[in-house]
């Protein structure tokens, strides 16, 4: 008789425990992964939006505004990963 009493009590405990679970990871919007390029400025790395460099022999460079400083563009935060392009145009970032 005791066994028949324990089954509904255990079911009630399971239901009560499940009521505190959270489905937030399925419902909440996950952050987007934003691909970034980087510039190296006085010992600090700064992320910039991903730029399309054509590949080639020259270093891809960016400029902040039309009169801002010009920086080499890196694929990762590593001085050995400069992005390359075929022509010497400078990409202006607004």
N, C-alpha and C. Protein backbone atom coordinates (compact mmCIF):
# COMPACT_ATOMS: atom_id res chain seq x y z
N UNK A 1 0.81 -1.18 0.00
CA UNK A 1 0.00 0.00 0.00
C UNK A 1 0.87 1.26 0.00
N UNK A 2 2.02 1.19 0.68
CA UNK A 2 2.90 2.35 0.72
C UNK A 2 3.45 2.66 -0.67
N UNK A 3 3.70 1.66 -1.48
CA UNK A 3 4.23 1.87 -2.82
C UNK A 3 3.22 2.61 -3.69
N UNK A 4 1.98 2.33 -3.54
CA UNK A 4 0.97 3.01 -4.35
C UNK A 4 0.84 4.48 -3.95
N UNK A 5 1.16 4.80 -2.73
CA UNK A 5 1.11 6.18 -2.27
C UNK A 5 2.32 6.97 -2.78
N UNK A 6 3.46 6.32 -2.92
CA UNK A 6 4.69 7.02 -3.32
C UNK A 6 4.68 7.42 -4.79
N UNK A 7 4.01 6.68 -5.64
CA UNK A 7 4.01 7.00 -7.07
C UNK A 7 3.39 8.37 -7.34
N UNK A 8 2.19 8.68 -6.84
CA UNK A 8 1.64 10.03 -7.09
C UNK A 8 2.46 11.13 -6.42
N UNK A 9 3.05 10.86 -5.26
CA UNK A 9 3.87 11.86 -4.58
C UNK A 9 5.11 12.16 -5.41
N UNK A 10 5.74 11.15 -5.95
CA UNK A 10 6.92 11.36 -6.79
C UNK A 10 6.54 12.10 -8.07
N UNK A 11 5.40 11.79 -8.66
CA UNK A 11 4.95 12.49 -9.86
C UNK A 11 4.70 13.96 -9.54
N UNK A 12 4.12 14.24 -8.39
CA UNK A 12 3.88 15.61 -7.98
C UNK A 12 5.19 16.38 -7.79
N UNK A 13 6.19 15.73 -7.21
CA UNK A 13 7.49 16.36 -7.03
C UNK A 13 8.17 16.66 -8.37
N UNK A 14 8.04 15.75 -9.31
CA UNK A 14 8.62 15.96 -10.64
C UNK A 14 7.94 17.14 -11.33
N UNK A 15 6.61 17.17 -11.26
CA UNK A 15 5.87 18.27 -11.89
C UNK A 15 6.22 19.60 -11.23
N UNK A 16 6.33 19.60 -9.92
CA UNK A 16 6.70 20.81 -9.21
C UNK A 16 8.11 21.27 -9.59
N UNK A 17 9.03 20.35 -9.68
CA UNK A 17 10.40 20.68 -10.08
C UNK A 17 10.47 21.20 -11.51
N UNK A 18 9.69 20.64 -12.41
CA UNK A 18 9.71 21.07 -13.81
C UNK A 18 9.09 22.46 -13.97
N UNK A 19 8.24 22.86 -13.03
CA UNK A 19 7.63 24.18 -13.14
C UNK A 19 8.65 25.29 -12.94
N UNK A 20 9.79 24.98 -12.35
CA UNK A 20 10.83 25.98 -12.13
C UNK A 20 11.90 25.98 -13.23
N UNK A 21 11.76 25.12 -14.19
CA UNK A 21 12.74 25.11 -15.28
C UNK A 21 12.50 26.28 -16.21
N UNK A 22 13.50 26.59 -17.03
CA UNK A 22 13.44 27.78 -17.87
C UNK A 22 13.78 27.38 -19.30
N UNK A 23 12.99 27.85 -20.23
CA UNK A 23 13.26 27.63 -21.65
C UNK A 23 13.86 28.88 -22.29
N UNK A 24 14.48 29.71 -21.51
CA UNK A 24 15.00 30.98 -21.99
C UNK A 24 16.00 30.83 -23.12
N UNK A 25 16.83 29.82 -23.10
CA UNK A 25 17.85 29.69 -24.14
C UNK A 25 17.22 29.40 -25.50
N UNK A 26 16.03 28.80 -25.52
CA UNK A 26 15.37 28.53 -26.79
C UNK A 26 14.56 29.73 -27.26
N UNK A 27 14.08 30.52 -26.34
CA UNK A 27 13.19 31.62 -26.68
C UNK A 27 13.95 32.92 -26.91
N UNK A 28 14.93 33.20 -26.09
CA UNK A 28 15.66 34.45 -26.19
C UNK A 28 16.46 34.51 -27.48
N UNK A 29 16.56 35.71 -28.01
CA UNK A 29 17.33 35.90 -29.23
C UNK A 29 18.81 35.81 -28.91
N UNK A 30 19.51 34.98 -29.64
CA UNK A 30 20.93 34.79 -29.45
C UNK A 30 21.68 35.93 -30.14
N UNK A 31 22.78 36.39 -29.57
CA UNK A 31 23.53 37.48 -30.21
C UNK A 31 24.15 37.01 -31.53
N UNK A 32 24.19 37.93 -32.47
CA UNK A 32 24.79 37.61 -33.76
C UNK A 32 26.30 37.67 -33.65
N UNK A 33 26.94 36.78 -34.36
CA UNK A 33 28.40 36.81 -34.42
C UNK A 33 28.77 37.77 -35.55
N UNK A 34 29.46 38.82 -35.20
CA UNK A 34 29.84 39.84 -36.17
C UNK A 34 31.31 39.66 -36.51
N UNK A 35 31.57 39.42 -37.76
CA UNK A 35 32.95 39.28 -38.19
C UNK A 35 33.61 40.65 -38.18
N UNK A 36 34.80 40.72 -37.68
CA UNK A 36 35.49 42.00 -37.57
C UNK A 36 36.89 41.90 -38.14
N UNK A 37 37.33 43.04 -38.61
CA UNK A 37 38.73 43.24 -38.91
C UNK A 37 39.27 44.16 -37.83
N UNK A 38 40.56 44.36 -37.83
CA UNK A 38 41.18 45.12 -36.75
C UNK A 38 42.21 46.09 -37.29
N UNK A 39 42.37 47.20 -36.57
CA UNK A 39 43.48 48.13 -36.82
C UNK A 39 44.29 48.22 -35.54
N UNK A 40 45.57 48.46 -35.70
CA UNK A 40 46.49 48.56 -34.56
C UNK A 40 46.88 50.02 -34.41
N UNK A 41 46.50 50.61 -33.28
CA UNK A 41 46.73 52.04 -33.06
C UNK A 41 47.44 52.24 -31.72
N UNK A 42 48.70 52.63 -31.78
CA UNK A 42 49.49 52.93 -30.58
C UNK A 42 49.42 51.84 -29.52
N UNK A 43 49.59 50.60 -29.92
CA UNK A 43 49.60 49.49 -28.98
C UNK A 43 48.23 48.94 -28.61
N UNK A 44 47.16 49.48 -29.20
CA UNK A 44 45.81 49.01 -28.91
C UNK A 44 45.13 48.52 -30.18
N UNK A 45 44.38 47.43 -30.06
CA UNK A 45 43.62 46.89 -31.17
C UNK A 45 42.22 47.50 -31.15
N UNK A 46 41.74 47.87 -32.32
CA UNK A 46 40.39 48.40 -32.44
C UNK A 46 39.66 47.60 -33.51
N UNK A 47 38.47 47.10 -33.17
CA UNK A 47 37.67 46.33 -34.13
C UNK A 47 36.95 47.27 -35.07
N UNK A 48 36.94 46.91 -36.34
CA UNK A 48 36.19 47.65 -37.36
C UNK A 48 35.35 46.62 -38.12
N UNK A 49 34.30 47.07 -38.80
CA UNK A 49 33.49 46.12 -39.57
C UNK A 49 34.33 45.38 -40.62
N UNK A 50 33.91 44.18 -40.93
CA UNK A 50 34.62 43.35 -41.91
C UNK A 50 34.68 44.09 -43.25
N UNK A 51 35.86 44.17 -43.83
CA UNK A 51 36.07 44.85 -45.11
C UNK A 51 36.41 43.83 -46.18
N UNK A 52 35.97 44.11 -47.38
CA UNK A 52 36.25 43.22 -48.50
C UNK A 52 37.48 43.73 -49.23
N UNK A 53 38.58 43.06 -49.00
CA UNK A 53 39.81 43.38 -49.72
C UNK A 53 39.97 42.33 -50.81
N UNK A 54 40.46 42.75 -51.96
CA UNK A 54 40.47 41.90 -53.14
C UNK A 54 41.58 40.86 -53.15
N UNK A 55 42.53 40.98 -52.27
CA UNK A 55 43.66 40.05 -52.29
C UNK A 55 44.69 40.53 -53.29
N UNK A 56 45.91 40.31 -53.03
CA UNK A 56 46.97 40.76 -53.93
C UNK A 56 48.26 40.94 -53.16
N UNK A 57 49.06 41.91 -53.59
CA UNK A 57 50.38 42.10 -53.00
C UNK A 57 50.47 43.29 -52.06
N UNK A 58 49.52 44.24 -52.13
CA UNK A 58 49.58 45.43 -51.31
C UNK A 58 48.73 45.27 -50.05
N UNK A 59 49.10 46.00 -49.01
CA UNK A 59 48.38 45.94 -47.75
C UNK A 59 47.07 46.70 -47.86
N UNK A 60 46.00 46.11 -47.39
CA UNK A 60 44.69 46.76 -47.36
C UNK A 60 44.72 47.79 -46.22
N UNK A 61 44.29 49.03 -46.51
CA UNK A 61 44.35 50.09 -45.51
C UNK A 61 42.99 50.76 -45.38
N UNK A 62 42.71 51.27 -44.18
CA UNK A 62 41.46 51.98 -43.92
C UNK A 62 41.76 53.35 -43.35
N UNK A 63 40.79 54.25 -43.51
CA UNK A 63 40.92 55.61 -43.00
C UNK A 63 39.62 55.96 -42.30
N UNK A 64 39.72 56.54 -41.11
CA UNK A 64 38.55 56.97 -40.36
C UNK A 64 38.15 58.37 -40.82
N UNK A 65 37.08 58.46 -41.61
CA UNK A 65 36.67 59.75 -42.16
C UNK A 65 37.57 60.15 -43.31
N UNK A 66 37.24 61.25 -43.95
CA UNK A 66 38.03 61.66 -45.12
C UNK A 66 39.36 62.32 -44.74
N UNK A 67 39.47 62.80 -43.50
CA UNK A 67 40.72 63.44 -43.10
C UNK A 67 41.36 62.75 -41.90
N UNK A 68 40.89 61.56 -41.58
CA UNK A 68 41.41 60.84 -40.42
C UNK A 68 42.69 60.09 -40.71
N UNK A 69 43.25 59.47 -39.69
CA UNK A 69 44.49 58.71 -39.88
C UNK A 69 44.25 57.44 -40.69
N UNK A 70 45.29 56.98 -41.34
CA UNK A 70 45.23 55.78 -42.17
C UNK A 70 45.92 54.64 -41.42
N UNK A 71 45.27 53.49 -41.38
CA UNK A 71 45.80 52.32 -40.67
C UNK A 71 45.83 51.11 -41.59
N UNK A 72 46.80 50.22 -41.33
CA UNK A 72 46.80 48.91 -41.99
C UNK A 72 45.67 48.08 -41.39
N UNK A 73 45.09 47.21 -42.20
CA UNK A 73 43.96 46.38 -41.77
C UNK A 73 44.44 44.96 -41.52
N UNK A 74 44.03 44.41 -40.39
CA UNK A 74 44.42 43.06 -39.99
C UNK A 74 43.19 42.17 -39.90
N UNK A 75 43.37 40.90 -40.24
CA UNK A 75 42.28 39.93 -40.19
C UNK A 75 41.99 39.49 -38.75
N UNK A 76 43.02 39.42 -37.94
CA UNK A 76 42.90 39.03 -36.54
C UNK A 76 43.79 39.97 -35.71
N UNK A 77 43.70 39.86 -34.39
CA UNK A 77 44.54 40.69 -33.53
C UNK A 77 45.94 40.11 -33.48
N UNK A 78 46.61 40.14 -34.61
CA UNK A 78 47.95 39.59 -34.75
C UNK A 78 48.64 40.39 -35.85
N UNK A 79 49.80 40.91 -35.56
CA UNK A 79 50.50 41.75 -36.53
C UNK A 79 50.93 41.00 -37.78
N UNK A 80 50.85 39.68 -37.77
CA UNK A 80 51.25 38.88 -38.93
C UNK A 80 50.08 38.59 -39.87
N UNK A 81 48.88 39.11 -39.59
CA UNK A 81 47.70 38.77 -40.40
C UNK A 81 47.16 39.97 -41.17
N UNK A 82 48.05 40.73 -41.80
CA UNK A 82 47.60 41.87 -42.60
C UNK A 82 46.75 41.38 -43.76
N UNK A 83 45.69 42.13 -44.04
CA UNK A 83 44.85 41.82 -45.20
C UNK A 83 45.51 42.42 -46.44
N UNK A 84 45.36 41.75 -47.56
CA UNK A 84 45.99 42.17 -48.81
C UNK A 84 44.95 42.57 -49.83
N UNK A 85 45.36 43.45 -50.74
CA UNK A 85 44.51 43.85 -51.87
C UNK A 85 45.37 44.09 -53.09
N UNK A 86 44.72 44.09 -54.25
CA UNK A 86 45.48 44.20 -55.49
C UNK A 86 45.85 45.64 -55.84
N UNK A 87 44.99 46.60 -55.45
CA UNK A 87 45.32 47.99 -55.75
C UNK A 87 45.56 48.73 -54.44
N UNK A 88 46.06 49.94 -54.51
CA UNK A 88 46.43 50.67 -53.32
C UNK A 88 45.34 51.58 -52.79
N UNK A 89 44.08 51.32 -53.10
CA UNK A 89 43.01 52.20 -52.64
C UNK A 89 42.84 52.09 -51.13
N UNK A 90 42.42 53.19 -50.53
CA UNK A 90 42.20 53.24 -49.09
C UNK A 90 40.70 53.23 -48.85
N UNK A 91 40.24 52.33 -47.99
CA UNK A 91 38.81 52.22 -47.67
C UNK A 91 38.49 53.25 -46.59
N UNK A 92 37.52 54.10 -46.87
CA UNK A 92 37.14 55.16 -45.91
C UNK A 92 36.00 54.65 -45.06
N UNK A 93 36.21 54.67 -43.74
CA UNK A 93 35.17 54.25 -42.80
C UNK A 93 34.48 55.49 -42.23
N UNK A 94 33.19 55.46 -42.19
CA UNK A 94 32.42 56.60 -41.66
C UNK A 94 32.13 56.42 -40.21
